[in-house]
Amino acid sequence: MPELLVRFAIGGVVVSIFSAIGSFLRPKTFAGLFGAAPSVALATLALTFDKNGHHYAALEGRSMVLGAIAMAAYAWVVAMILFRARHNTLLVTSCSLVIWLGVAFGLWSVLLR
């Protein structure tokens, strides 16, 4: 139960901070993006550090960074395809998941293995 309370506390504070930052950006939909993802990552890293120590938390942090790079590659590919042609969005996003997985596993095999 205390772990859950810590997760809620860290998540709540970080969501509030990132939402405040996101409210200054345009479009306003960035506020949700900047509120959710960093708070979950920071809460997870804090709890991982507390339970498993700094070596494991560092590995988890590096994994999160590589996952974010893979997500950025996926988003860029999807955006380029959808901006250039009128394709079915569900089809493009679903088929492009291969990009995300390829970049993520490629980075993992080169940098973390």
Protein backbone atom coordinates (compact mmCIF):
# COMPACT_ATOMS: atom_id res chain seq x y z
CA MET A 1 0.00 0.00 0.00
CA PRO A 2 2.78 2.55 0.77
CA GLU A 3 4.27 1.92 -2.70
CA LEU A 4 0.94 2.80 -4.27
CA LEU A 5 0.72 6.02 -2.24
CA VAL A 6 4.24 7.01 -3.30
CA ARG A 7 3.36 6.33 -6.94
CA PHE A 8 0.24 8.50 -6.65
CA ALA A 9 2.12 11.30 -4.89
CA ILE A 10 5.01 11.41 -7.37
CA GLY A 11 2.64 11.05 -10.30
CA GLY A 12 0.34 13.79 -9.05
CA VAL A 13 3.10 16.31 -8.45
CA VAL A 14 4.80 15.63 -11.77
CA VAL A 15 1.51 15.66 -13.70
CA SER A 16 0.72 19.05 -12.20
CA ILE A 17 4.12 20.47 -13.12
CA PHE A 18 4.09 19.14 -16.68
CA SER A 19 0.47 20.17 -17.19
CA ALA A 20 1.35 23.70 -16.14
CA ILE A 21 4.22 23.70 -18.65
CA GLY A 22 1.99 22.16 -21.31
CA SER A 23 -0.70 24.79 -20.80
CA PHE A 24 1.67 27.40 -22.22
CA LEU A 25 2.27 25.41 -25.40
CA ARG A 26 0.12 25.36 -28.51
CA PRO A 27 -1.96 23.31 -29.22
CA LYS A 28 -3.38 22.71 -25.77
CA THR A 29 -3.48 18.97 -26.41
CA PHE A 30 0.22 18.89 -25.56
CA ALA A 31 -0.73 19.46 -21.92
CA GLY A 32 -2.04 15.90 -21.63
CA LEU A 33 0.97 14.44 -23.39
CA PHE A 34 3.43 16.27 -21.17
CA GLY A 35 1.37 15.46 -18.09
CA ALA A 36 1.02 11.71 -18.39
CA ALA A 37 4.18 10.13 -19.78
CA PRO A 38 6.87 11.84 -17.67
CA SER A 39 4.95 11.33 -14.44
CA VAL A 40 4.56 7.60 -15.00
CA ALA A 41 8.23 7.26 -15.93
CA LEU A 42 9.48 9.25 -12.94
CA ALA A 43 7.23 7.42 -10.48
CA THR A 44 8.37 4.08 -11.88
CA LEU A 45 12.04 5.08 -11.69
CA ALA A 46 11.68 6.34 -8.12
CA LEU A 47 10.06 3.11 -6.98
CA THR A 48 12.56 1.01 -8.93
CA PHE A 49 15.42 2.89 -7.30
CA ASP A 50 13.90 2.35 -3.87
CA LYS A 51 13.30 -1.37 -4.40
CA ASN A 52 16.22 -2.50 -6.56
CA GLY A 53 18.97 0.10 -6.24
CA HIS A 54 20.62 2.58 -8.56
CA HIS A 55 22.14 0.09 -11.03
CA TYR A 56 18.77 -1.41 -11.93
CA ALA A 57 17.10 2.02 -12.01
CA ALA A 58 19.80 3.26 -14.40
CA LEU A 59 19.15 0.31 -16.71
CA GLU A 60 15.40 1.02 -16.58
CA GLY A 61 16.05 4.70 -17.35
CA ARG A 62 18.19 3.85 -20.37
CA SER A 63 15.50 1.48 -21.57
CA MET A 64 12.92 4.25 -21.28
CA VAL A 65 15.08 6.61 -23.31
CA LEU A 66 15.54 4.02 -26.06
CA GLY A 67 11.80 3.36 -26.06
CA ALA A 68 11.17 7.07 -26.45
CA ILE A 69 13.57 7.23 -29.41
CA ALA A 70 11.74 4.31 -31.01
CA MET A 71 8.41 6.05 -30.39
CA ALA A 72 9.72 9.24 -32.01
CA ALA A 73 10.82 7.25 -35.08
CA TYR A 74 7.39 5.63 -35.28
CA ALA A 75 5.60 8.98 -34.94
CA TRP A 76 7.82 10.56 -37.60
CA VAL A 77 7.16 7.74 -40.09
CA VAL A 78 3.40 7.84 -39.45
CA ALA A 79 3.32 11.62 -39.80
CA MET A 80 5.29 11.56 -43.06
CA ILE A 81 3.03 8.92 -44.58
CA LEU A 82 -0.19 10.62 -43.48
CA PHE A 83 0.94 14.12 -44.51
CA ARG A 84 1.98 13.02 -47.98
CA ALA A 85 -1.04 10.92 -48.91
CA ARG A 86 -4.57 10.26 -47.74
CA HIS A 87 -4.28 6.74 -46.41
CA ASN A 88 -6.38 4.96 -43.84
CA THR A 89 -5.07 6.14 -40.48
CA LEU A 90 -5.73 2.86 -38.70
CA LEU A 91 -3.90 0.92 -41.41
CA VAL A 92 -0.88 3.27 -41.41
CA THR A 93 -0.52 3.36 -37.63
CA SER A 94 -0.99 -0.39 -37.29
CA CYS A 95 1.49 -1.30 -40.02
CA SER A 96 4.01 1.24 -38.76
CA LEU A 97 4.26 -0.51 -35.40
CA VAL A 98 6.91 -2.61 -37.13
CA ILE A 99 9.06 0.55 -37.23
CA TRP A 100 8.67 1.08 -33.49
CA LEU A 101 9.53 -2.52 -32.67
CA GLY A 102 12.42 -2.59 -35.14
CA VAL A 103 14.01 0.58 -33.78
CA ALA A 104 13.43 -0.46 -30.15
CA PHE A 105 14.89 -3.94 -30.54
CA GLY A 106 17.69 -2.64 -32.78
CA LEU A 107 18.74 -0.06 -30.18
CA TRP A 108 18.42 -2.63 -27.42
CA SER A 109 20.60 -5.15 -29.26
CA VAL A 110 23.28 -2.57 -30.01
CA LEU A 111 23.33 -0.55 -26.80
CA LEU A 112 21.93 -2.61 -23.92
CA ARG A 113 22.72 -6.22 -24.67
